Amino acid sequence: IGKPALPFNATTMNGSPVEFPKQYAGKIV
């Protein structure tokens, strides 16, 4: 807790790209 999460890129099962954590700005995931 308090440490930076590891950034990564992935693709979901429905084909959508994931850019973590950048695309979750304004949210918690």
PDB file of all heavy atoms in Angstrom:
ATOM      1  N   ILE A   1       0.846  -1.197   0.000  1.00  0.00           N
ATOM      2  CA  ILE A   1       0.000   0.000   0.000  1.00  0.00           C
ATOM      3  C   ILE A   1       0.880   1.245   0.000  1.00  0.00           C
ATOM      4  O   ILE A   1       1.853   1.339   0.745  1.00  0.00           O
ATOM      5  CB  ILE A   1      -0.932   0.000   1.231  1.00  0.00           C
ATOM      6  CG1 ILE A   1      -1.931  -1.154   1.135  1.00  0.00           C
ATOM      7  CG2 ILE A   1      -1.679   1.323   1.335  1.00  0.00           C
ATOM      8  CD1 ILE A   1      -2.795  -1.327   2.369  1.00  0.00           C
ATOM      9  N   GLY A   2       0.531   2.191  -0.849  1.00  0.00           N
ATOM     10  CA  GLY A   2       1.297   3.428  -0.953  1.00  0.00           C
ATOM     11  C   GLY A   2       2.335   3.405  -2.054  1.00  0.00           C
ATOM     12  O   GLY A   2       2.852   4.459  -2.442  1.00  0.00           O
ATOM     13  N   LYS A   3       2.648   2.227  -2.584  1.00  0.00           N
ATOM     14  CA  LYS A   3       3.627   2.100  -3.654  1.00  0.00           C
ATOM     15  C   LYS A   3       2.941   2.266  -5.014  1.00  0.00           C
ATOM     16  O   LYS A   3       1.737   2.061  -5.138  1.00  0.00           O
ATOM     17  CB  LYS A   3       4.319   0.746  -3.593  1.00  0.00           C
ATOM     18  CG  LYS A   3       5.111   0.511  -2.313  1.00  0.00           C
ATOM     19  CD  LYS A   3       6.262   1.489  -2.193  1.00  0.00           C
ATOM     20  CE  LYS A   3       7.073   1.227  -0.948  1.00  0.00           C
ATOM     21  NZ  LYS A   3       8.249   2.141  -0.839  1.00  0.00           N
ATOM     22  N   PRO A   4       3.688   2.640  -6.052  1.00  0.00           N
ATOM     23  CA  PRO A   4       3.074   2.790  -7.376  1.00  0.00           C
ATOM     24  C   PRO A   4       2.731   1.437  -7.990  1.00  0.00           C
ATOM     25  O   PRO A   4       3.511   0.493  -7.905  1.00  0.00           O
ATOM     26  CB  PRO A   4       4.155   3.510  -8.188  1.00  0.00           C
ATOM     27  CG  PRO A   4       5.441   3.185  -7.492  1.00  0.00           C
ATOM     28  CD  PRO A   4       5.106   3.066  -6.043  1.00  0.00           C
ATOM     29  N   ALA A   5       1.563   1.352  -8.603  1.00  0.00           N
ATOM     30  CA  ALA A   5       1.177   0.137  -9.306  1.00  0.00           C
ATOM     31  C   ALA A   5       2.010  -0.009 -10.573  1.00  0.00           C
ATOM     32  O   ALA A   5       2.587   0.955 -11.075  1.00  0.00           O
ATOM     33  CB  ALA A   5      -0.312   0.185  -9.650  1.00  0.00           C
ATOM     34  N   LEU A   6       2.069  -1.221 -11.099  1.00  0.00           N
ATOM     35  CA  LEU A   6       2.846  -1.476 -12.309  1.00  0.00           C
ATOM     36  C   LEU A   6       2.006  -1.128 -13.541  1.00  0.00           C
ATOM     37  O   LEU A   6       0.932  -1.700 -13.732  1.00  0.00           O
ATOM     38  CB  LEU A   6       3.255  -2.945 -12.368  1.00  0.00           C
ATOM     39  CG  LEU A   6       4.014  -3.494 -11.157  1.00  0.00           C
ATOM     40  CD1 LEU A   6       4.325  -4.976 -11.367  1.00  0.00           C
ATOM     41  CD2 LEU A   6       5.294  -2.704 -10.911  1.00  0.00           C
ATOM     42  N   PRO A   7       2.474  -0.231 -14.386  1.00  0.00           N
ATOM     43  CA  PRO A   7       1.717   0.096 -15.608  1.00  0.00           C
ATOM     44  C   PRO A   7       1.828  -1.039 -16.623  1.00  0.00           C
ATOM     45  O   PRO A   7       2.835  -1.745 -16.687  1.00  0.00           O
ATOM     46  CB  PRO A   7       2.410   1.366 -16.111  1.00  0.00           C
ATOM     47  CG  PRO A   7       3.792   1.301 -15.561  1.00  0.00           C
ATOM     48  CD  PRO A   7       3.691   0.598 -14.243  1.00  0.00           C
ATOM     49  N   PHE A   8       0.785  -1.235 -17.417  1.00  0.00           N
ATOM     50  CA  PHE A   8       0.824  -2.267 -18.443  1.00  0.00           C
ATOM     51  C   PHE A   8      -0.220  -1.977 -19.508  1.00  0.00           C
ATOM     52  O   PHE A   8      -1.148  -1.185 -19.315  1.00  0.00           O
ATOM     53  CB  PHE A   8       0.589  -3.659 -17.841  1.00  0.00           C
ATOM     54  CG  PHE A   8      -0.748  -3.840 -17.175  1.00  0.00           C
ATOM     55  CD1 PHE A   8      -1.904  -4.117 -17.918  1.00  0.00           C
ATOM     56  CD2 PHE A   8      -0.866  -3.729 -15.795  1.00  0.00           C
ATOM     57  CE1 PHE A   8      -3.136  -4.284 -17.307  1.00  0.00           C
ATOM     58  CE2 PHE A   8      -2.099  -3.901 -15.165  1.00  0.00           C
ATOM     59  CZ  PHE A   8      -3.228  -4.178 -15.919  1.00  0.00           C
ATOM     60  N   ASN A   9      -0.061  -2.663 -20.644  1.00  0.00           N
ATOM     61  CA  ASN A   9      -1.033  -2.641 -21.723  1.00  0.00           C
ATOM     62  C   ASN A   9      -1.536  -4.061 -21.940  1.00  0.00           C
ATOM     63  O   ASN A   9      -0.756  -5.020 -21.870  1.00  0.00           O
ATOM     64  CB  ASN A   9      -0.412  -2.108 -23.017  1.00  0.00           C
ATOM     65  CG  ASN A   9      -0.065  -0.634 -22.910  1.00  0.00           C
ATOM     66  OD1 ASN A   9      -0.943   0.205 -22.742  1.00  0.00           O
ATOM     67  ND2 ASN A   9       1.217  -0.318 -23.004  1.00  0.00           N
ATOM     68  N   ALA A  10      -2.825  -4.201 -22.191  1.00  0.00           N
ATOM     69  CA  ALA A  10      -3.410  -5.521 -22.407  1.00  0.00           C
ATOM     70  C   ALA A  10      -4.628  -5.384 -23.308  1.00  0.00           C
ATOM     71  O   ALA A  10      -5.020  -4.276 -23.688  1.00  0.00           O
ATOM     72  CB  ALA A  10      -3.788  -6.162 -21.070  1.00  0.00           C
ATOM     73  N   THR A  11      -5.221  -6.517 -23.635  1.00  0.00           N
ATOM     74  CA  THR A  11      -6.432  -6.527 -24.445  1.00  0.00           C
ATOM     75  C   THR A  11      -7.474  -7.379 -23.744  1.00  0.00           C
ATOM     76  O   THR A  11      -7.183  -8.505 -23.326  1.00  0.00           O
ATOM     77  CB  THR A  11      -6.160  -7.105 -25.843  1.00  0.00           C
ATOM     78  OG1 THR A  11      -5.137  -6.340 -26.482  1.00  0.00           O
ATOM     79  CG2 THR A  11      -7.415  -7.072 -26.696  1.00  0.00           C
ATOM     80  N   THR A  12      -8.692  -6.866 -23.618  1.00  0.00           N
ATOM     81  CA  THR A  12      -9.748  -7.595 -22.934  1.00  0.00           C
ATOM     82  C   THR A  12     -10.334  -8.678 -23.839  1.00  0.00           C
ATOM     83  O   THR A  12     -10.049  -8.722 -25.042  1.00  0.00           O
ATOM     84  CB  THR A  12     -10.873  -6.651 -22.485  1.00  0.00           C
ATOM     85  OG1 THR A  12     -11.530  -6.139 -23.650  1.00  0.00           O
ATOM     86  CG2 THR A  12     -10.321  -5.503 -21.667  1.00  0.00           C
ATOM     87  N   MET A  13     -11.185  -9.499 -23.275  1.00  0.00           N
ATOM     88  CA  MET A  13     -11.789 -10.595 -24.036  1.00  0.00           C
ATOM     89  C   MET A  13     -12.718 -10.086 -25.134  1.00  0.00           C
ATOM     90  O   MET A  13     -12.994 -10.818 -26.099  1.00  0.00           O
ATOM     91  CB  MET A  13     -12.552 -11.529 -23.095  1.00  0.00           C
ATOM     92  CG  MET A  13     -11.647 -12.257 -22.106  1.00  0.00           C
ATOM     93  SD  MET A  13     -12.538 -13.465 -21.077  1.00  0.00           S
ATOM     94  CE  MET A  13     -12.835 -14.771 -22.281  1.00  0.00           C
ATOM     95  N   ASN A  14     -13.210  -8.860 -25.018  1.00  0.00           N
ATOM     96  CA  ASN A  14     -14.062  -8.311 -26.077  1.00  0.00           C
ATOM     97  C   ASN A  14     -13.260  -7.491 -27.078  1.00  0.00           C
ATOM     98  O   ASN A  14     -13.830  -6.805 -27.937  1.00  0.00           O
ATOM     99  CB  ASN A  14     -15.196  -7.475 -25.483  1.00  0.00           C
ATOM    100  CG  ASN A  14     -14.685  -6.277 -24.696  1.00  0.00           C
ATOM    101  OD1 ASN A  14     -13.522  -5.898 -24.813  1.00  0.00           O
ATOM    102  ND2 ASN A  14     -15.547  -5.681 -23.882  1.00  0.00           N
ATOM    103  N   GLY A  15     -11.924  -7.551 -26.979  1.00  0.00           N
ATOM    104  CA  GLY A  15     -11.058  -6.895 -27.958  1.00  0.00           C
ATOM    105  C   GLY A  15     -10.694  -5.470 -27.646  1.00  0.00           C
ATOM    106  O   GLY A  15      -9.993  -4.819 -28.436  1.00  0.00           O
ATOM    107  N   SER A  16     -11.103  -4.939 -26.506  1.00  0.00           N
ATOM    108  CA  SER A  16     -10.801  -3.550 -26.153  1.00  0.00           C
ATOM    109  C   SER A  16      -9.398  -3.437 -25.555  1.00  0.00           C
ATOM    110  O   SER A  16      -9.006  -4.267 -24.726  1.00  0.00           O
ATOM    111  CB  SER A  16     -11.817  -3.022 -25.143  1.00  0.00           C
ATOM    112  OG  SER A  16     -13.127  -3.076 -25.670  1.00  0.00           O
ATOM    113  N   PRO A  17      -8.637  -2.399 -25.946  1.00  0.00           N
ATOM    114  CA  PRO A  17      -7.294  -2.214 -25.382  1.00  0.00           C
ATOM    115  C   PRO A  17      -7.382  -1.648 -23.954  1.00  0.00           C
ATOM    116  O   PRO A  17      -8.303  -0.917 -23.621  1.00  0.00           O
ATOM    117  CB  PRO A  17      -6.638  -1.215 -26.333  1.00  0.00           C
ATOM    118  CG  PRO A  17      -7.799  -0.438 -26.882  1.00  0.00           C
ATOM    119  CD  PRO A  17      -8.940  -1.401 -26.978  1.00  0.00           C
ATOM    120  N   VAL A  18      -6.423  -2.025 -23.129  1.00  0.00           N
ATOM    121  CA  VAL A  18      -6.326  -1.516 -21.760  1.00  0.00           C
ATOM    122  C   VAL A  18      -4.973  -0.853 -21.593  1.00  0.00           C
ATOM    123  O   VAL A  18      -3.937  -1.463 -21.881  1.00  0.00           O
ATOM    124  CB  VAL A  18      -6.471  -2.652 -20.720  1.00  0.00           C
ATOM    125  CG1 VAL A  18      -6.246  -2.114 -19.313  1.00  0.00           C
ATOM    126  CG2 VAL A  18      -7.831  -3.302 -20.829  1.00  0.00           C
ATOM    127  N   GLU A  19      -4.971   0.386 -21.151  1.00  0.00           N
ATOM    128  CA  GLU A  19      -3.739   1.090 -20.808  1.00  0.00           C
ATOM    129  C   GLU A  19      -3.835   1.428 -19.322  1.00  0.00           C
ATOM    130  O   GLU A  19      -4.506   2.379 -18.938  1.00  0.00           O
ATOM    131  CB  GLU A  19      -3.576   2.357 -21.645  1.00  0.00           C
ATOM    132  CG  GLU A  19      -2.216   3.021 -21.452  1.00  0.00           C
ATOM    133  CD  GLU A  19      -2.014   4.204 -22.378  1.00  0.00           C
ATOM    134  OE1 GLU A  19      -2.938   4.498 -23.174  1.00  0.00           O
ATOM    135  OE2 GLU A  19      -0.948   4.837 -22.293  1.00  0.00           O
ATOM    136  N   PHE A  20      -3.179   0.610 -18.527  1.00  0.00           N
ATOM    137  CA  PHE A  20      -3.316   0.702 -17.071  1.00  0.00           C
ATOM    138  C   PHE A  20      -2.135   1.459 -16.466  1.00  0.00           C
ATOM    139  O   PHE A  20      -0.993   1.220 -16.848  1.00  0.00           O
ATOM    140  CB  PHE A  20      -3.383  -0.712 -16.483  1.00  0.00           C
ATOM    141  CG  PHE A  20      -3.562  -0.744 -15.002  1.00  0.00           C
ATOM    142  CD1 PHE A  20      -4.828  -0.707 -14.443  1.00  0.00           C
ATOM    143  CD2 PHE A  20      -2.469  -0.797 -14.156  1.00  0.00           C
ATOM    144  CE1 PHE A  20      -4.990  -0.723 -13.067  1.00  0.00           C
ATOM    145  CE2 PHE A  20      -2.624  -0.817 -12.792  1.00  0.00           C
ATOM    146  CZ  PHE A  20      -3.883  -0.771 -12.242  1.00  0.00           C
ATOM    147  N   PRO A  21      -2.388   2.362 -15.521  1.00  0.00           N
ATOM    148  CA  PRO A  21      -3.692   2.772 -14.979  1.00  0.00           C
ATOM    149  C   PRO A  21      -4.259   4.020 -15.656  1.00  0.00           C
ATOM    150  O   PRO A  21      -5.279   4.539 -15.241  1.00  0.00           O
ATOM    151  CB  PRO A  21      -3.338   3.077 -13.524  1.00  0.00           C
ATOM    152  CG  PRO A  21      -1.958   3.648 -13.601  1.00  0.00           C
ATOM    153  CD  PRO A  21      -1.266   2.900 -14.711  1.00  0.00           C
ATOM    154  N   LYS A  22      -3.579   4.475 -16.721  1.00  0.00           N
ATOM    155  CA  LYS A  22      -3.900   5.750 -17.338  1.00  0.00           C
ATOM    156  C   LYS A  22      -5.364   5.894 -17.715  1.00  0.00           C
ATOM    157  O   LYS A  22      -5.984   6.947 -17.497  1.00  0.00           O
ATOM    158  CB  LYS A  22      -3.022   5.944 -18.579  1.00  0.00           C
ATOM    159  CG  LYS A  22      -3.196   7.281 -19.265  1.00  0.00           C
ATOM    160  CD  LYS A  22      -2.245   7.396 -20.453  1.00  0.00           C
ATOM    161  CE  LYS A  22      -2.421   8.734 -21.158  1.00  0.00           C
ATOM    162  NZ  LYS A  22      -1.501   8.854 -22.332  1.00  0.00           N
ATOM    163  N   GLN A  23      -5.963   4.828 -18.266  1.00  0.00           N
ATOM    164  CA  GLN A  23      -7.337   4.963 -18.754  1.00  0.00           C
ATOM    165  C   GLN A  23      -8.368   4.974 -17.624  1.00  0.00           C
ATOM    166  O   GLN A  23      -9.558   5.165 -17.880  1.00  0.00           O
ATOM    167  CB  GLN A  23      -7.656   3.840 -19.731  1.00  0.00           C
ATOM    168  CG  GLN A  23      -7.949   2.486 -19.117  1.00  0.00           C
ATOM    169  CD  GLN A  23      -8.302   1.464 -20.175  1.00  0.00           C
ATOM    170  OE1 GLN A  23      -7.504   1.194 -21.092  1.00  0.00           O
ATOM    171  NE2 GLN A  23      -9.493   0.895 -20.094  1.00  0.00           N
ATOM    172  N   TYR A  24      -7.936   4.796 -16.395  1.00  0.00           N
ATOM    173  CA  TYR A  24      -8.847   4.825 -15.250  1.00  0.00           C
ATOM    174  C   TYR A  24      -8.744   6.145 -14.485  1.00  0.00           C
ATOM    175  O   TYR A  24      -9.055   6.205 -13.297  1.00  0.00           O
ATOM    176  CB  TYR A  24      -8.559   3.652 -14.315  1.00  0.00           C
ATOM    177  CG  TYR A  24      -8.811   2.314 -14.965  1.00  0.00           C
ATOM    178  CD1 TYR A  24      -7.759   1.573 -15.503  1.00  0.00           C
ATOM    179  CD2 TYR A  24     -10.101   1.798 -15.062  1.00  0.00           C
ATOM    180  CE1 TYR A  24      -7.991   0.353 -16.114  1.00  0.00           C
ATOM    181  CE2 TYR A  24     -10.349   0.577 -15.676  1.00  0.00           C
ATOM    182  CZ  TYR A  24      -9.283  -0.137 -16.198  1.00  0.00           C
ATOM    183  OH  TYR A  24      -9.519  -1.342 -16.812  1.00  0.00           O
ATOM    184  N   ALA A  25      -8.310   7.191 -15.171  1.00  0.00           N
ATOM    185  CA  ALA A  25      -8.207   8.506 -14.542  1.00  0.00           C
ATOM    186  C   ALA A  25      -9.566   8.929 -13.985  1.00  0.00           C
ATOM    187  O   ALA A  25     -10.607   8.739 -14.619  1.00  0.00           O
ATOM    188  CB  ALA A  25      -7.712   9.532 -15.557  1.00  0.00           C
ATOM    189  N   GLY A  26      -9.544   9.483 -12.783  1.00  0.00           N
ATOM    190  CA  GLY A  26     -10.774   9.913 -12.127  1.00  0.00           C
ATOM    191  C   GLY A  26     -11.497   8.788 -11.406  1.00  0.00           C
ATOM    192  O   GLY A  26     -12.542   9.011 -10.795  1.00  0.00           O
ATOM    193  N   LYS A  27     -10.948   7.564 -11.467  1.00  0.00           N
ATOM    194  CA  LYS A  27     -11.608   6.407 -10.870  1.00  0.00           C
ATOM    195  C   LYS A  27     -10.634   5.643  -9.969  1.00  0.00           C
ATOM    196  O   LYS A  27      -9.437   5.949  -9.902  1.00  0.00           O
ATOM    197  CB  LYS A  27     -12.121   5.464 -11.965  1.00  0.00           C
ATOM    198  CG  LYS A  27     -13.081   6.115 -12.954  1.00  0.00           C
ATOM    199  CD  LYS A  27     -13.504   5.129 -14.037  1.00  0.00           C
ATOM    200  CE  LYS A  27     -14.466   5.774 -15.018  1.00  0.00           C
ATOM    201  NZ  LYS A  27     -14.907   4.802 -16.077  1.00  0.00           N
ATOM    202  N   ILE A  28     -11.160   4.635  -9.299  1.00  0.00           N
ATOM    203  CA  ILE A  28     -10.318   3.649  -8.637  1.00  0.00           C
ATOM    204  C   ILE A  28     -10.660   2.299  -9.261  1.00  0.00           C
ATOM    205  O   ILE A  28     -11.804   2.048  -9.649  1.00  0.00           O
ATOM    206  CB  ILE A  28     -10.515   3.617  -7.109  1.00  0.00           C
ATOM    207  CG1 ILE A  28     -11.949   3.257  -6.731  1.00  0.00           C
ATOM    208  CG2 ILE A  28     -10.114   4.945  -6.493  1.00  0.00           C
ATOM    209  CD1 ILE A  28     -12.149   3.092  -5.226  1.00  0.00           C
ATOM    210  N   VAL A  29      -9.657   1.437  -9.402  1.00  0.00           N
ATOM    211  CA  VAL A  29      -9.861   0.172 -10.101  1.00  0.00           C
ATOM    212  C   VAL A  29      -9.258  -0.968  -9.291  1.00  0.00           C
ATOM    213  O   VAL A  29      -8.177  -0.850  -8.725  1.00  0.00           O
ATOM    214  CB  VAL A  29      -9.257   0.222 -11.517  1.00  0.00           C
ATOM    215  CG1 VAL A  29      -7.781   0.591 -11.473  1.00  0.00           C
ATOM    216  CG2 VAL A  29      -9.438  -1.106 -12.236  1.00  0.00           C
TER     217      VAL A  29
END
